[in-house]
Structure formats: structure tokens, C-alpha cells
N, C-alpha and C. Protein backbone atom coordinates (compact mmCIF):
# COMPACT_ATOMS: atom_id res chain seq x y z
N MET A 1 9.89 5.87 -27.12
CA MET A 1 7.98 5.62 -27.22
C MET A 1 8.60 7.18 -26.78
N HIS A 2 7.70 8.31 -27.94
CA HIS A 2 7.63 9.84 -27.70
C HIS A 2 6.32 9.80 -26.83
N ALA A 3 7.46 10.67 -25.33
CA ALA A 3 6.22 11.17 -23.99
C ALA A 3 4.89 11.45 -24.22
N ALA A 4 4.91 11.57 -25.64
CA ALA A 4 3.31 12.21 -25.03
C ALA A 4 2.31 10.71 -25.59
N ALA A 5 2.93 10.12 -26.23
CA ALA A 5 2.09 8.67 -26.19
C ALA A 5 2.02 7.55 -25.39
N VAL A 6 3.17 8.14 -24.41
CA VAL A 6 2.56 7.43 -22.83
C VAL A 6 1.58 7.70 -22.21
N SER A 7 0.50 6.54 -21.33
CA SER A 7 -0.88 7.19 -20.76
C SER A 7 -0.66 6.48 -19.48
N MET A 8 -1.25 6.53 -18.54
CA MET A 8 -1.51 5.88 -17.82
C MET A 8 -1.55 4.71 -17.28
N LEU A 9 -1.14 3.65 -16.79
CA LEU A 9 -1.34 2.84 -16.41
C LEU A 9 -2.92 2.02 -15.92
N ASN A 10 -4.11 1.72 -16.64
CA ASN A 10 -4.73 0.28 -16.63
C ASN A 10 -4.83 -0.33 -16.19
N LEU A 11 -4.63 -0.61 -14.47
CA LEU A 11 -4.45 -1.55 -14.14
C LEU A 11 -5.67 -1.91 -12.97
N ASP A 12 -6.13 -2.74 -13.11
CA ASP A 12 -6.73 -3.57 -11.84
C ASP A 12 -6.32 -4.90 -11.22
N PHE A 13 -6.66 -4.81 -9.71
CA PHE A 13 -6.03 -5.67 -9.28
C PHE A 13 -7.14 -6.92 -8.23
N THR A 14 -6.86 -7.30 -7.31
CA THR A 14 -7.95 -7.59 -6.44
C THR A 14 -6.99 -8.71 -5.28
N GLN A 15 -8.01 -8.63 -3.92
CA GLN A 15 -6.45 -9.09 -3.25
C GLN A 15 -7.67 -10.25 -2.35
N ILE A 16 -7.15 -11.57 -1.64
CA ILE A 16 -8.03 -12.60 -1.37
C ILE A 16 -6.83 -13.01 -0.35
N SER A 17 -7.01 -12.98 1.02
CA SER A 17 -6.17 -13.57 1.74
C SER A 17 -7.05 -15.00 2.76
N ASP A 18 -6.35 -15.78 3.10
CA ASP A 18 -7.02 -17.21 4.00
C ASP A 18 -6.42 -17.16 5.57
N CYS A 19 -7.09 -17.08 6.14
CA CYS A 19 -7.01 -17.08 7.46
C CYS A 19 -6.22 -18.41 7.61
N GLY A 20 -6.59 -19.83 6.95
CA GLY A 20 -5.81 -20.75 6.83
C GLY A 20 -5.81 -21.78 8.41
N ARG A 21 -5.72 -23.06 8.16
CA ARG A 21 -6.13 -23.61 9.05
C ARG A 21 -6.87 -23.87 10.53
N VAL A 22 -5.78 -23.35 11.04
CA VAL A 22 -5.34 -22.59 12.38
C VAL A 22 -6.34 -21.50 13.26
N ARG A 23 -5.49 -20.81 12.74
CA ARG A 23 -6.88 -19.20 13.61
C ARG A 23 -8.16 -19.31 12.72
N ASP A 24 -9.01 -18.65 13.17
CA ASP A 24 -10.29 -18.34 12.44
C ASP A 24 -10.20 -16.70 12.47
N HIS A 25 -9.44 -15.85 12.65
CA HIS A 25 -9.12 -14.59 11.68
C HIS A 25 -8.18 -14.64 11.35
N ASN A 26 -8.42 -13.88 9.86
CA ASN A 26 -7.24 -13.15 8.68
C ASN A 26 -6.50 -12.28 9.78
N GLU A 27 -5.21 -11.97 9.63
CA GLU A 27 -4.70 -11.03 10.55
C GLU A 27 -3.64 -10.94 9.97
N ASP A 28 -4.08 -10.27 7.94
CA ASP A 28 -3.27 -9.94 6.77
C ASP A 28 -4.02 -8.32 6.38
N TYR A 29 -3.22 -7.60 5.63
CA TYR A 29 -3.50 -6.03 5.61
C TYR A 29 -2.81 -5.70 4.52
N LEU A 30 -3.46 -5.12 3.63
CA LEU A 30 -3.10 -4.85 2.14
C LEU A 30 -3.61 -3.77 1.80
N GLY A 31 -2.44 -2.61 1.59
CA GLY A 31 -3.04 -0.87 2.25
C GLY A 31 -2.35 -1.03 -0.30
N PHE A 32 -2.84 0.48 -0.28
CA PHE A 32 -2.42 0.32 -1.40
C PHE A 32 -2.75 1.67 -1.35
N TYR A 33 -2.25 2.45 -2.59
CA TYR A 33 -2.15 3.94 -3.59
C TYR A 33 -2.26 3.64 -4.36
N THR A 34 -3.31 4.94 -5.56
CA THR A 34 -2.64 4.39 -7.51
C THR A 34 -2.75 6.26 -7.29
N PRO A 35 -2.00 6.08 -8.27
CA PRO A 35 -1.57 8.16 -8.55
C PRO A 35 -2.99 8.87 -9.32
N GLU A 36 -3.00 9.80 -9.36
CA GLU A 36 -4.52 10.65 -9.89
C GLU A 36 -4.15 10.99 -11.33
N SER A 37 -3.17 11.58 -10.92
CA SER A 37 -3.18 12.31 -13.02
C SER A 37 -1.93 11.65 -13.77
N GLU A 38 -1.39 11.06 -14.94
CA GLU A 38 -0.59 10.52 -15.25
C GLU A 38 0.92 11.00 -14.78
N THR A 39 0.88 12.61 -14.83
CA THR A 39 2.02 12.75 -13.83
C THR A 39 2.62 12.35 -12.72
N GLU A 40 1.40 12.28 -12.63
CA GLU A 40 2.47 11.67 -11.22
C GLU A 40 2.45 10.12 -11.27
N ALA A 41 1.45 9.31 -12.00
CA ALA A 41 2.44 7.83 -11.98
C ALA A 41 3.58 7.80 -12.28
N ARG A 42 4.07 8.92 -13.61
CA ARG A 42 4.83 9.11 -13.55
C ARG A 42 6.26 9.41 -12.68
N THR A 43 5.75 10.35 -12.31
CA THR A 43 6.96 10.99 -11.17
C THR A 43 6.56 9.89 -9.65
N ARG A 44 5.99 9.48 -9.05
CA ARG A 44 5.79 8.67 -7.88
C ARG A 44 5.70 7.99 -8.04
N GLY A 45 4.51 6.90 -8.52
CA GLY A 45 4.51 5.68 -8.97
C GLY A 45 3.52 5.10 -8.15
N TRP A 46 3.26 4.32 -8.33
CA TRP A 46 2.07 3.72 -7.06
C TRP A 46 2.61 2.62 -6.48
N LEU A 47 2.17 2.84 -5.45
CA LEU A 47 1.75 1.87 -3.58
C LEU A 47 1.07 0.83 -3.55
N PHE A 48 2.13 -0.40 -3.71
CA PHE A 48 1.06 -1.53 -2.86
C PHE A 48 1.50 -2.04 -1.93
N ALA A 49 1.03 -2.60 -0.39
CA ALA A 49 2.09 -3.23 0.50
C ALA A 49 1.09 -4.10 0.89
N LEU A 50 1.20 -5.12 1.74
CA LEU A 50 0.57 -6.54 2.25
C LEU A 50 1.91 -6.17 3.74
N ALA A 51 1.29 -6.33 5.05
CA ALA A 51 1.70 -6.58 6.17
C ALA A 51 0.79 -8.33 6.84
N ASP A 52 2.25 -9.27 6.61
CA ASP A 52 1.32 -10.11 7.11
C ASP A 52 1.19 -10.65 8.33
N GLY A 53 0.45 -10.28 9.11
CA GLY A 53 -0.33 -10.60 10.60
C GLY A 53 0.75 -11.42 10.97
N VAL A 54 1.31 -11.57 12.02
CA VAL A 54 1.91 -12.32 12.95
C VAL A 54 1.10 -13.78 13.70
N GLY A 55 0.98 -14.46 13.27
CA GLY A 55 0.16 -16.00 13.08
C GLY A 55 0.36 -16.48 14.74
N GLY A 56 -0.50 -16.03 15.60
CA GLY A 56 -0.20 -16.50 17.22
C GLY A 56 -0.08 -16.14 17.92
N GLN A 57 0.23 -14.76 18.09
CA GLN A 57 0.42 -13.50 18.83
C GLN A 57 -0.89 -12.46 18.72
N HIS A 58 -0.63 -12.28 20.39
CA HIS A 58 -1.62 -11.13 20.72
C HIS A 58 -2.71 -10.15 19.19
N ALA A 59 -2.96 -9.81 19.02
CA ALA A 59 -3.13 -8.65 18.30
C ALA A 59 -2.55 -8.31 16.58
N GLY A 60 -2.08 -9.40 16.09
CA GLY A 60 -1.17 -9.57 15.18
C GLY A 60 -2.34 -9.13 13.68
N GLU A 61 -3.40 -8.54 14.08
CA GLU A 61 -4.45 -8.19 12.64
C GLU A 61 -3.97 -6.12 12.86
N VAL A 62 -4.53 -6.45 14.47
CA VAL A 62 -4.26 -4.77 14.48
C VAL A 62 -2.81 -3.86 14.10
N ALA A 63 -1.30 -5.20 14.71
CA ALA A 63 -0.26 -4.40 14.19
C ALA A 63 -0.14 -4.12 12.78
N SER A 64 -0.37 -5.01 11.80
CA SER A 64 -0.34 -5.00 10.24
C SER A 64 -1.45 -3.94 9.55
N HIS A 65 -2.80 -3.66 10.33
CA HIS A 65 -2.99 -2.76 10.01
C HIS A 65 -2.36 -1.10 10.52
N ALA A 66 -2.23 -1.39 11.52
CA ALA A 66 -1.46 -0.10 12.17
C ALA A 66 0.27 0.21 10.90
N ALA A 67 1.17 -0.65 10.71
CA ALA A 67 2.12 -0.74 9.42
C ALA A 67 1.29 -0.36 8.57
N ILE A 68 0.54 -0.59 7.94
CA ILE A 68 -0.06 -0.38 6.73
C ILE A 68 -0.43 1.30 6.47
N GLU A 69 -0.89 1.10 7.12
CA GLU A 69 -1.88 3.09 7.30
C GLU A 69 -0.09 3.25 8.14
N LYS A 70 0.19 3.51 8.91
CA LYS A 70 1.38 4.40 8.14
C LYS A 70 2.28 4.78 7.30
N LEU A 71 2.15 3.62 6.34
CA LEU A 71 3.82 3.07 5.38
C LEU A 71 2.18 4.36 4.82
N LEU A 72 1.58 4.27 4.42
CA LEU A 72 0.62 4.79 3.38
C LEU A 72 0.19 6.66 3.53
N GLU A 73 0.05 6.83 5.28
CA GLU A 73 0.13 8.46 5.33
C GLU A 73 1.75 8.74 5.01
N GLY A 74 2.80 7.86 5.29
CA GLY A 74 3.87 8.45 4.66
C GLY A 74 4.41 9.29 3.51
N PHE A 75 3.85 7.52 3.00
CA PHE A 75 3.63 8.40 0.78
C PHE A 75 3.15 9.57 0.97
N ARG A 76 2.24 9.56 1.38
CA ARG A 76 0.78 10.49 0.76
C ARG A 76 1.21 12.03 1.44
N VAL A 77 2.28 11.88 2.46
CA VAL A 77 3.14 13.79 2.98
C VAL A 77 4.22 13.12 2.02
N ARG A 78 4.62 12.23 2.12
CA ARG A 78 5.80 12.71 1.01
C ARG A 78 5.53 13.11 -0.92
N LEU A 79 4.57 12.46 -0.91
CA LEU A 79 3.97 12.82 -2.37
C LEU A 79 3.69 14.59 -1.94
N ALA A 80 3.23 15.48 -0.69
CA ALA A 80 2.50 16.64 -0.43
C ALA A 80 3.74 17.34 -0.67
N GLY A 81 4.64 16.67 -1.01
CA GLY A 81 6.00 17.54 -0.91
C GLY A 81 6.84 17.46 0.23
N GLY A 82 7.28 17.20 1.18
CA GLY A 82 7.10 16.23 2.57
C GLY A 82 8.81 15.95 2.09
N SER A 83 9.56 16.01 3.36
CA SER A 83 10.83 15.12 2.94
C SER A 83 10.73 13.78 2.80
N LEU A 84 11.20 12.81 2.73
CA LEU A 84 11.07 11.37 3.28
C LEU A 84 11.35 11.24 5.06
N ALA A 85 12.18 12.28 5.19
CA ALA A 85 12.66 11.59 7.13
C ALA A 85 11.31 12.07 7.52
N GLU A 86 9.69 13.44 6.80
CA GLU A 86 9.41 13.50 7.83
C GLU A 86 8.14 12.42 7.31
N ALA A 87 7.87 11.63 6.22
CA ALA A 87 7.04 10.94 5.88
C ALA A 87 6.67 9.76 7.04
N PHE A 88 8.23 9.24 7.61
CA PHE A 88 8.24 8.35 8.56
C PHE A 88 8.35 8.76 9.84
């Protein structure tokens, strides 16, 4: 395919998570980064990440949220031209 004919992926997604039958709250967390241009899409790509909260442990939802936010922060640092070591 000719490079001029390639366009940015048009992607729709949704998220759903269920706390199950045992717990009264959900400990999972989802985060994502979508590129802002075709060039960024080709060179950097997309990032979708899910952290499964540690069921039954204290504050599993806090840990899963922190893990995803740290991952996204590192990805953004890398996009800004920083090294991978700086990202994490």
C-alpha cells in the first residue's frame, strides 16, 4: 500500500468490568493513550492497558489505578522525546 493511502486507524472501544459476586466494589482500572496525528500513530502507536485489582487485598483499586497512571505518565514522557529509562 502506498504511504499516502494509509490513514489513521479509526478505532472505537468501550470498557466494562464486573466486580463479581464476592466484592461490593470493582478494583480494576483501564487507561489508554490515543495518538493525535497520523504520524504519531505510525511512529508511536496506541496504548491500552488494564490493571486487574488484587482481589481481597486492602486498596486493590488504589494499586491498579496508580499502576496505570504511572504507565501512562511514562508513555507520555517517552512520546515527548525522553528516554525509556526516564519514562519509568
